[in-house]
Amino acid sequence: MLSKAKRKGRIFVDYLRNQRGATAIMPYSARSRPGAPVAAPVTWAEMKTIDAPSHFHVGDAPELKKRAASKALAGWGRADQFLPDL
């Protein structure tokens, strides 16, 4: 894993967050940081243009709402899987 100092100017995709017990912020949630950045799903094409993890903030609500309904992000939160009966 790269330290924050070595990630400057890069976006770190943490694939290890996809395991039991891992935590992450929910999409469209505001973070408790200066400027109130918002976690938002992005397309692979947008990864080239997003300059920082704080790219979107609470003031971008109208744009985020429009993006959520866009064709580019259609189905982003869906997965073909079934949970086992416990």
PDB file of N, CA and C in Angstrom:
ATOM      1  N   MET A   1       0.852  -1.177   0.000  1.00  0.00           N
ATOM      2  CA  MET A   1       0.000   0.000   0.000  1.00  0.00           C
ATOM      3  C   MET A   1       0.895   1.237   0.000  1.00  0.00           C
ATOM      4  N   LEU A   2       0.552   2.217  -0.792  1.00  0.00           N
ATOM      5  CA  LEU A   2       1.332   3.442  -0.854  1.00  0.00           C
ATOM      6  C   LEU A   2       0.980   4.367   0.302  1.00  0.00           C
ATOM      7  N   SER A   3       1.983   5.003   0.857  1.00  0.00           N
ATOM      8  CA  SER A   3       1.724   5.989   1.908  1.00  0.00           C
ATOM      9  C   SER A   3       1.051   7.206   1.274  1.00  0.00           C
ATOM     10  N   LYS A   4       0.406   8.017   2.094  1.00  0.00           N
ATOM     11  CA  LYS A   4      -0.271   9.210   1.557  1.00  0.00           C
ATOM     12  C   LYS A   4       0.707  10.121   0.842  1.00  0.00           C
ATOM     13  N   ALA A   5       1.922  10.235   1.340  1.00  0.00           N
ATOM     14  CA  ALA A   5       2.918  11.103   0.710  1.00  0.00           C
ATOM     15  C   ALA A   5       3.238  10.644  -0.709  1.00  0.00           C
ATOM     16  N   LYS A   6       3.269   9.330  -0.938  1.00  0.00           N
ATOM     17  CA  LYS A   6       3.594   8.793  -2.259  1.00  0.00           C
ATOM     18  C   LYS A   6       2.386   8.782  -3.196  1.00  0.00           C
ATOM     19  N   ARG A   7       1.187   9.038  -2.658  1.00  0.00           N
ATOM     20  CA  ARG A   7      -0.026   9.036  -3.487  1.00  0.00           C
ATOM     21  C   ARG A   7      -0.392  10.419  -3.977  1.00  0.00           C
ATOM     22  N   LYS A   8       0.370  11.422  -3.657  1.00  0.00           N
ATOM     23  CA  LYS A   8       0.015  12.794  -4.022  1.00  0.00           C
ATOM     24  C   LYS A   8      -0.259  12.895  -5.522  1.00  0.00           C
ATOM     25  N   GLY A   9      -1.415  13.448  -5.869  1.00  0.00           N
ATOM     26  CA  GLY A   9      -1.792  13.577  -7.264  1.00  0.00           C
ATOM     27  C   GLY A   9      -2.383  12.323  -7.867  1.00  0.00           C
ATOM     28  N   ARG A  10      -2.673  11.332  -7.029  1.00  0.00           N
ATOM     29  CA  ARG A  10      -3.244  10.071  -7.505  1.00  0.00           C
ATOM     30  C   ARG A  10      -4.498   9.744  -6.716  1.00  0.00           C
ATOM     31  N   ILE A  11      -5.321   8.893  -7.281  1.00  0.00           N
ATOM     32  CA  ILE A  11      -6.491   8.380  -6.578  1.00  0.00           C
ATOM     33  C   ILE A  11      -6.184   6.944  -6.206  1.00  0.00           C
ATOM     34  N   PHE A  12      -6.340   6.611  -4.939  1.00  0.00           N
ATOM     35  CA  PHE A  12      -6.044   5.273  -4.457  1.00  0.00           C
ATOM     36  C   PHE A  12      -7.339   4.472  -4.395  1.00  0.00           C
ATOM     37  N   VAL A  13      -7.431   3.398  -5.157  1.00  0.00           N
ATOM     38  CA  VAL A  13      -8.595   2.514  -5.153  1.00  0.00           C
ATOM     39  C   VAL A  13      -8.260   1.349  -4.219  1.00  0.00           C
ATOM     40  N   ASP A  14      -8.908   1.322  -3.064  1.00  0.00           N
ATOM     41  CA  ASP A  14      -8.612   0.316  -2.048  1.00  0.00           C
ATOM     42  C   ASP A  14      -9.522  -0.889  -2.220  1.00  0.00           C
ATOM     43  N   TYR A  15      -9.056  -1.876  -2.969  1.00  0.00           N
ATOM     44  CA  TYR A  15      -9.851  -3.074  -3.215  1.00  0.00           C
ATOM     45  C   TYR A  15     -10.008  -3.925  -1.956  1.00  0.00           C
ATOM     46  N   LEU A  16      -9.221  -3.696  -0.941  1.00  0.00           N
ATOM     47  CA  LEU A  16      -9.329  -4.467   0.299  1.00  0.00           C
ATOM     48  C   LEU A  16     -10.541  -4.045   1.139  1.00  0.00           C
ATOM     49  N   ARG A  17     -11.194  -2.972   0.761  1.00  0.00           N
ATOM     50  CA  ARG A  17     -12.397  -2.534   1.470  1.00  0.00           C
ATOM     51  C   ARG A  17     -13.588  -3.418   1.145  1.00  0.00           C
ATOM     52  N   ASN A  18     -13.401  -4.345   0.239  1.00  0.00           N
ATOM     53  CA  ASN A  18     -14.478  -5.222  -0.202  1.00  0.00           C
ATOM     54  C   ASN A  18     -14.376  -6.589   0.492  1.00  0.00           C
ATOM     55  N   GLN A  19     -14.325  -6.549   1.808  1.00  0.00           N
ATOM     56  CA  GLN A  19     -14.254  -7.796   2.561  1.00  0.00           C
ATOM     57  C   GLN A  19     -15.039  -7.666   3.856  1.00  0.00           C
ATOM     58  N   ARG A  20     -15.361  -8.780   4.459  1.00  0.00           N
ATOM     59  CA  ARG A  20     -16.149  -8.798   5.691  1.00  0.00           C
ATOM     60  C   ARG A  20     -15.454  -7.965   6.771  1.00  0.00           C
ATOM     61  N   GLY A  21     -16.222  -7.097   7.409  1.00  0.00           N
ATOM     62  CA  GLY A  21     -15.697  -6.275   8.486  1.00  0.00           C
ATOM     63  C   GLY A  21     -15.095  -4.959   8.044  1.00  0.00           C
ATOM     64  N   ALA A  22     -14.893  -4.774   6.744  1.00  0.00           N
ATOM     65  CA  ALA A  22     -14.327  -3.519   6.255  1.00  0.00           C
ATOM     66  C   ALA A  22     -15.397  -2.442   6.263  1.00  0.00           C
ATOM     67  N   THR A  23     -14.991  -1.226   6.476  1.00  0.00           N
ATOM     68  CA  THR A  23     -15.944  -0.116   6.494  1.00  0.00           C
ATOM     69  C   THR A  23     -15.587   0.896   5.413  1.00  0.00           C
ATOM     70  N   ALA A  24     -16.568   1.594   4.956  1.00  0.00           N
ATOM     71  CA  ALA A  24     -16.374   2.650   3.962  1.00  0.00           C
ATOM     72  C   ALA A  24     -17.548   3.614   4.077  1.00  0.00           C
ATOM     73  N   ILE A  25     -17.389   4.798   3.579  1.00  0.00           N
ATOM     74  CA  ILE A  25     -18.465   5.783   3.611  1.00  0.00           C
ATOM     75  C   ILE A  25     -19.462   5.466   2.492  1.00  0.00           C
ATOM     76  N   MET A  26     -20.730   5.676   2.755  1.00  0.00           N
ATOM     77  CA  MET A  26     -21.780   5.420   1.767  1.00  0.00           C
ATOM     78  C   MET A  26     -21.745   6.481   0.662  1.00  0.00           C
ATOM     79  N   PRO A  27     -22.080   6.105  -0.567  1.00  0.00           N
ATOM     80  CA  PRO A  27     -22.139   7.093  -1.652  1.00  0.00           C
ATOM     81  C   PRO A  27     -23.101   8.232  -1.322  1.00  0.00           C
ATOM     82  N   TYR A  28     -22.737   9.409  -1.732  1.00  0.00           N
ATOM     83  CA  TYR A  28     -23.493  10.643  -1.533  1.00  0.00           C
ATOM     84  C   TYR A  28     -23.550  11.066  -0.075  1.00  0.00           C
ATOM     85  N   SER A  29     -22.621  10.584   0.745  1.00  0.00           N
ATOM     86  CA  SER A  29     -22.510  11.023   2.130  1.00  0.00           C
ATOM     87  C   SER A  29     -21.463  12.119   2.215  1.00  0.00           C
ATOM     88  N   ALA A  30     -21.766  13.131   3.030  1.00  0.00           N
ATOM     89  CA  ALA A  30     -20.790  14.197   3.260  1.00  0.00           C
ATOM     90  C   ALA A  30     -19.805  13.721   4.320  1.00  0.00           C
ATOM     91  N   ARG A  31     -18.556  14.021   4.102  1.00  0.00           N
ATOM     92  CA  ARG A  31     -17.512  13.639   5.059  1.00  0.00           C
ATOM     93  C   ARG A  31     -17.289  14.784   6.042  1.00  0.00           C
ATOM     94  N   SER A  32     -16.845  14.452   7.224  1.00  0.00           N
ATOM     95  CA  SER A  32     -16.599  15.482   8.240  1.00  0.00           C
ATOM     96  C   SER A  32     -15.180  16.028   8.079  1.00  0.00           C
ATOM     97  N   ARG A  33     -14.997  16.744   6.993  1.00  0.00           N
ATOM     98  CA  ARG A  33     -13.716  17.359   6.657  1.00  0.00           C
ATOM     99  C   ARG A  33     -13.972  18.800   6.223  1.00  0.00           C
ATOM    100  N   PRO A  34     -12.953  19.638   6.242  1.00  0.00           N
ATOM    101  CA  PRO A  34     -13.138  21.012   5.755  1.00  0.00           C
ATOM    102  C   PRO A  34     -13.676  21.015   4.325  1.00  0.00           C
ATOM    103  N   GLY A  35     -14.679  21.821   4.062  1.00  0.00           N
ATOM    104  CA  GLY A  35     -15.289  21.905   2.739  1.00  0.00           C
ATOM    105  C   GLY A  35     -16.390  20.889   2.518  1.00  0.00           C
ATOM    106  N   ALA A  36     -16.617  20.004   3.485  1.00  0.00           N
ATOM    107  CA  ALA A  36     -17.663  18.972   3.426  1.00  0.00           C
ATOM    108  C   ALA A  36     -17.666  18.226   2.095  1.00  0.00           C
ATOM    109  N   PRO A  37     -16.565  17.528   1.775  1.00  0.00           N
ATOM    110  CA  PRO A  37     -16.554  16.743   0.532  1.00  0.00           C
ATOM    111  C   PRO A  37     -17.591  15.627   0.580  1.00  0.00           C
ATOM    112  N   VAL A  38     -18.077  15.248  -0.594  1.00  0.00           N
ATOM    113  CA  VAL A  38     -19.112  14.221  -0.711  1.00  0.00           C
ATOM    114  C   VAL A  38     -18.541  13.027  -1.475  1.00  0.00           C
ATOM    115  N   ALA A  39     -18.763  11.833  -0.934  1.00  0.00           N
ATOM    116  CA  ALA A  39     -18.374  10.607  -1.632  1.00  0.00           C
ATOM    117  C   ALA A  39     -19.363  10.392  -2.771  1.00  0.00           C
ATOM    118  N   ALA A  40     -18.862  10.201  -3.970  1.00  0.00           N
ATOM    119  CA  ALA A  40     -19.746  10.028  -5.124  1.00  0.00           C
ATOM    120  C   ALA A  40     -19.166   8.976  -6.063  1.00  0.00           C
ATOM    121  N   PRO A  41     -20.023   8.140  -6.648  1.00  0.00           N
ATOM    122  CA  PRO A  41     -19.523   7.181  -7.637  1.00  0.00           C
ATOM    123  C   PRO A  41     -19.049   7.934  -8.880  1.00  0.00           C
ATOM    124  N   VAL A  42     -18.009   7.395  -9.503  1.00  0.00           N
ATOM    125  CA  VAL A  42     -17.479   7.995 -10.727  1.00  0.00           C
ATOM    126  C   VAL A  42     -17.301   6.905 -11.775  1.00  0.00           C
ATOM    127  N   THR A  43     -17.304   7.299 -13.020  1.00  0.00           N
ATOM    128  CA  THR A  43     -17.067   6.358 -14.109  1.00  0.00           C
ATOM    129  C   THR A  43     -15.556   6.207 -14.301  1.00  0.00           C
ATOM    130  N   TRP A  44     -15.145   5.164 -15.029  1.00  0.00           N
ATOM    131  CA  TRP A  44     -13.720   4.989 -15.294  1.00  0.00           C
ATOM    132  C   TRP A  44     -13.172   6.170 -16.085  1.00  0.00           C
ATOM    133  N   ALA A  45     -13.950   6.698 -17.005  1.00  0.00           N
ATOM    134  CA  ALA A  45     -13.495   7.848 -17.801  1.00  0.00           C
ATOM    135  C   ALA A  45     -13.259   9.069 -16.919  1.00  0.00           C
ATOM    136  N   GLU A  46     -14.109   9.258 -15.898  1.00  0.00           N
ATOM    137  CA  GLU A  46     -13.958  10.405 -14.998  1.00  0.00           C
ATOM    138  C   GLU A  46     -12.714  10.296 -14.119  1.00  0.00           C
ATOM    139  N   MET A  47     -12.211   9.093 -13.925  1.00  0.00           N
ATOM    140  CA  MET A  47     -11.030   8.919 -13.078  1.00  0.00           C
ATOM    141  C   MET A  47      -9.853   9.742 -13.603  1.00  0.00           C
ATOM    142  N   LYS A  48      -9.827  10.009 -14.903  1.00  0.00           N
ATOM    143  CA  LYS A  48      -8.741  10.789 -15.494  1.00  0.00           C
ATOM    144  C   LYS A  48      -8.875  12.284 -15.185  1.00  0.00           C
ATOM    145  N   THR A  49     -10.086  12.733 -14.855  1.00  0.00           N
ATOM    146  CA  THR A  49     -10.314  14.163 -14.667  1.00  0.00           C
ATOM    147  C   THR A  49     -10.542  14.568 -13.214  1.00  0.00           C
ATOM    148  N   ILE A  50     -10.777  13.617 -12.331  1.00  0.00           N
ATOM    149  CA  ILE A  50     -10.992  13.939 -10.917  1.00  0.00           C
ATOM    150  C   ILE A  50      -9.627  14.242 -10.303  1.00  0.00           C
ATOM    151  N   ASP A  51      -9.473  15.436  -9.764  1.00  0.00           N
ATOM    152  CA  ASP A  51      -8.162  15.876  -9.283  1.00  0.00           C
ATOM    153  C   ASP A  51      -7.887  15.564  -7.815  1.00  0.00           C
ATOM    154  N   ALA A  52      -8.936  15.283  -7.036  1.00  0.00           N
ATOM    155  CA  ALA A  52      -8.742  15.045  -5.600  1.00  0.00           C
ATOM    156  C   ALA A  52      -9.936  14.291  -5.034  1.00  0.00           C
ATOM    157  N   PRO A  53      -9.753  13.595  -3.916  1.00  0.00           N
ATOM    158  CA  PRO A  53     -10.881  12.896  -3.296  1.00  0.00           C
ATOM    159  C   PRO A  53     -11.986  13.863  -2.862  1.00  0.00           C
ATOM    160  N   SER A  54     -11.629  15.121  -2.680  1.00  0.00           N
ATOM    161  CA  SER A  54     -12.617  16.125  -2.268  1.00  0.00           C
ATOM    162  C   SER A  54     -13.203  16.874  -3.460  1.00  0.00           C
ATOM    163  N   HIS A  55     -13.184  16.261  -4.631  1.00  0.00           N
ATOM    164  CA  HIS A  55     -13.653  16.898  -5.862  1.00  0.00           C
ATOM    165  C   HIS A  55     -15.096  17.401  -5.750  1.00  0.00           C
ATOM    166  N   PHE A  56     -15.974  16.578  -5.193  1.00  0.00           N
ATOM    167  CA  PHE A  56     -17.372  16.974  -5.003  1.00  0.00           C
ATOM    168  C   PHE A  56     -17.586  17.403  -3.556  1.00  0.00           C
ATOM    169  N   HIS A  57     -18.433  18.412  -3.363  1.00  0.00           N
ATOM    170  CA  HIS A  57     -18.745  18.856  -2.003  1.00  0.00           C
ATOM    171  C   HIS A  57     -20.244  19.141  -1.902  1.00  0.00           C
ATOM    172  N   VAL A  58     -20.718  19.456  -0.703  1.00  0.00           N
ATOM    173  CA  VAL A  58     -22.159  19.615  -0.490  1.00  0.00           C
ATOM    174  C   VAL A  58     -22.770  20.691  -1.377  1.00  0.00           C
ATOM    175  N   GLY A  59     -21.996  21.664  -1.798  1.00  0.00           N
ATOM    176  CA  GLY A  59     -22.498  22.705  -2.697  1.00  0.00           C
ATOM    177  C   GLY A  59     -22.787  22.184  -4.105  1.00  0.00           C
ATOM    178  N   ASP A  60     -22.313  20.977  -4.402  1.00  0.00           N
ATOM    179  CA  ASP A  60     -22.526  20.369  -5.719  1.00  0.00           C
ATOM    180  C   ASP A  60     -23.797  19.522  -5.765  1.00  0.00           C
ATOM    181  N   ALA A  61     -24.669  19.650  -4.787  1.00  0.00           N
ATOM    182  CA  ALA A  61     -25.867  18.796  -4.708  1.00  0.00           C
ATOM    183  C   ALA A  61     -26.667  18.750  -6.009  1.00  0.00           C
ATOM    184  N   PRO A  62     -26.957  19.879  -6.653  1.00  0.00           N
ATOM    185  CA  PRO A  62     -27.719  19.797  -7.915  1.00  0.00           C
ATOM    186  C   PRO A  62     -26.988  18.980  -8.990  1.00  0.00           C
ATOM    187  N   GLU A  63     -25.675  19.156  -9.103  1.00  0.00           N
ATOM    188  CA  GLU A  63     -24.897  18.394 -10.086  1.00  0.00           C
ATOM    189  C   GLU A  63     -24.867  16.911  -9.715  1.00  0.00           C
ATOM    190  N   LEU A  64     -24.701  16.600  -8.439  1.00  0.00           N
ATOM    191  CA  LEU A  64     -24.660  15.200  -7.996  1.00  0.00           C
ATOM    192  C   LEU A  64     -25.992  14.504  -8.253  1.00  0.00           C
ATOM    193  N   LYS A  65     -27.085  15.230  -8.048  1.00  0.00           N
ATOM    194  CA  LYS A  65     -28.410  14.658  -8.303  1.00  0.00           C
ATOM    195  C   LYS A  65     -28.572  14.346  -9.794  1.00  0.00           C
ATOM    196  N   LYS A  66     -28.124  15.260 -10.634  1.00  0.00           N
ATOM    197  CA  LYS A  66     -28.201  15.062 -12.081  1.00  0.00           C
ATOM    198  C   LYS A  66     -27.317  13.885 -12.507  1.00  0.00           C
ATOM    199  N   ARG A  67     -26.106  13.800 -11.945  1.00  0.00           N
ATOM    200  CA  ARG A  67     -25.189  12.708 -12.267  1.00  0.00           C
ATOM    201  C   ARG A  67     -25.760  11.360 -11.863  1.00  0.00           C
ATOM    202  N   ALA A  68     -26.433  11.307 -10.705  1.00  0.00           N
ATOM    203  CA  ALA A  68     -26.991  10.045 -10.210  1.00  0.00           C
ATOM    204  C   ALA A  68     -28.016   9.469 -11.178  1.00  0.00           C
ATOM    205  N   ALA A  69     -28.701  10.324 -11.908  1.00  0.00           N
ATOM    206  CA  ALA A  69     -29.715   9.878 -12.865  1.00  0.00           C
ATOM    207  C   ALA A  69     -29.149   9.697 -14.272  1.00  0.00           C
ATOM    208  N   SER A  70     -27.854   9.909 -14.433  1.00  0.00           N
ATOM    209  CA  SER A  70     -27.262   9.855 -15.774  1.00  0.00           C
ATOM    210  C   SER A  70     -27.115   8.420 -16.286  1.00  0.00           C
ATOM    211  N   LYS A  71     -27.062   8.311 -17.599  1.00  0.00           N
ATOM    212  CA  LYS A  71     -26.884   7.008 -18.244  1.00  0.00           C
ATOM    213  C   LYS A  71     -25.514   6.412 -17.898  1.00  0.00           C
ATOM    214  N   ALA A  72     -24.511   7.267 -17.752  1.00  0.00           N
ATOM    215  CA  ALA A  72     -23.149   6.804 -17.463  1.00  0.00           C
ATOM    216  C   ALA A  72     -23.056   6.063 -16.128  1.00  0.00           C
ATOM    217  N   LEU A  73     -23.895   6.445 -15.171  1.00  0.00           N
ATOM    218  CA  LEU A  73     -23.859   5.809 -13.854  1.00  0.00           C
ATOM    219  C   LEU A  73     -25.023   4.848 -13.627  1.00  0.00           C
ATOM    220  N   ALA A  74     -25.770   4.548 -14.669  1.00  0.00           N
ATOM    221  CA  ALA A  74     -26.910   3.637 -14.527  1.00  0.00           C
ATOM    222  C   ALA A  74     -26.433   2.271 -14.029  1.00  0.00           C
ATOM    223  N   GLY A  75     -27.049   1.795 -12.979  1.00  0.00           N
ATOM    224  CA  GLY A  75     -26.741   0.476 -12.445  1.00  0.00           C
ATOM    225  C   GLY A  75     -25.457   0.377 -11.649  1.00  0.00           C
ATOM    226  N   TRP A  76     -24.832   1.481 -11.290  1.00  0.00           N
ATOM    227  CA  TRP A  76     -23.538   1.444 -10.605  1.00  0.00           C
ATOM    228  C   TRP A  76     -23.594   0.720  -9.259  1.00  0.00           C
ATOM    229  N   GLY A  77     -24.714   0.716  -8.577  1.00  0.00           N
ATOM    230  CA  GLY A  77     -24.802   0.086  -7.263  1.00  0.00           C
ATOM    231  C   GLY A  77     -25.427  -1.300  -7.284  1.00  0.00           C
ATOM    232  N   ARG A  78     -25.555  -1.891  -8.433  1.00  0.00           N
ATOM    233  CA  ARG A  78     -26.207  -3.199  -8.541  1.00  0.00           C
ATOM    234  C   ARG A  78     -25.171  -4.302  -8.791  1.00  0.00           C
ATOM    235  N   ALA A  79     -25.476  -5.477  -8.259  1.00  0.00           N
ATOM    236  CA  ALA A  79     -24.609  -6.637  -8.482  1.00  0.00           C
ATOM    237  C   ALA A  79     -25.473  -7.877  -8.584  1.00  0.00           C
ATOM    238  N   ASP A  80     -25.117  -8.771  -9.473  1.00  0.00           N
ATOM    239  CA  ASP A  80     -25.822 -10.050  -9.596  1.00  0.00           C
ATOM    240  C   ASP A  80     -25.268 -11.008  -8.554  1.00  0.00           C
ATOM    241  N   GLN A  81     -25.903 -11.019  -7.408  1.00  0.00           N
ATOM    242  CA  GLN A  81     -25.482 -11.926  -6.362  1.00  0.00           C
ATOM    243  C   GLN A  81     -26.655 -12.209  -5.434  1.00  0.00           C
ATOM    244  N   PHE A  82     -26.537 -13.287  -4.724  1.00  0.00           N
ATOM    245  CA  PHE A  82     -27.576 -13.672  -3.778  1.00  0.00           C
ATOM    246  C   PHE A  82     -26.923 -13.897  -2.430  1.00  0.00           C
ATOM    247  N   LEU A  83     -27.596 -13.496  -1.381  1.00  0.00           N
ATOM    248  CA  LEU A  83     -27.111 -13.754  -0.037  1.00  0.00           C
ATOM    249  C   LEU A  83     -27.569 -15.131   0.409  1.00  0.00           C
ATOM    250  N   PRO A  84     -26.717 -15.882   1.065  1.00  0.00           N
ATOM    251  CA  PRO A  84     -27.088 -17.225   1.502  1.00  0.00           C
ATOM    252  C   PRO A  84     -28.078 -17.158   2.670  1.00  0.00           C
ATOM    253  N   ASP A  85     -28.907 -18.179   2.775  1.00  0.00           N
ATOM    254  CA  ASP A  85     -29.790 -18.289   3.932  1.00  0.00           C
ATOM    255  C   ASP A  85     -28.936 -18.683   5.134  1.00  0.00           C
ATOM    256  N   LEU A  86     -29.086 -17.962   6.203  1.00  0.00           N
ATOM    257  CA  LEU A  86     -28.297 -18.280   7.410  1.00  0.00           C
ATOM    258  C   LEU A  86     -29.153 -18.943   8.462  1.00  0.00           C
TER     259      LEU A  86
END
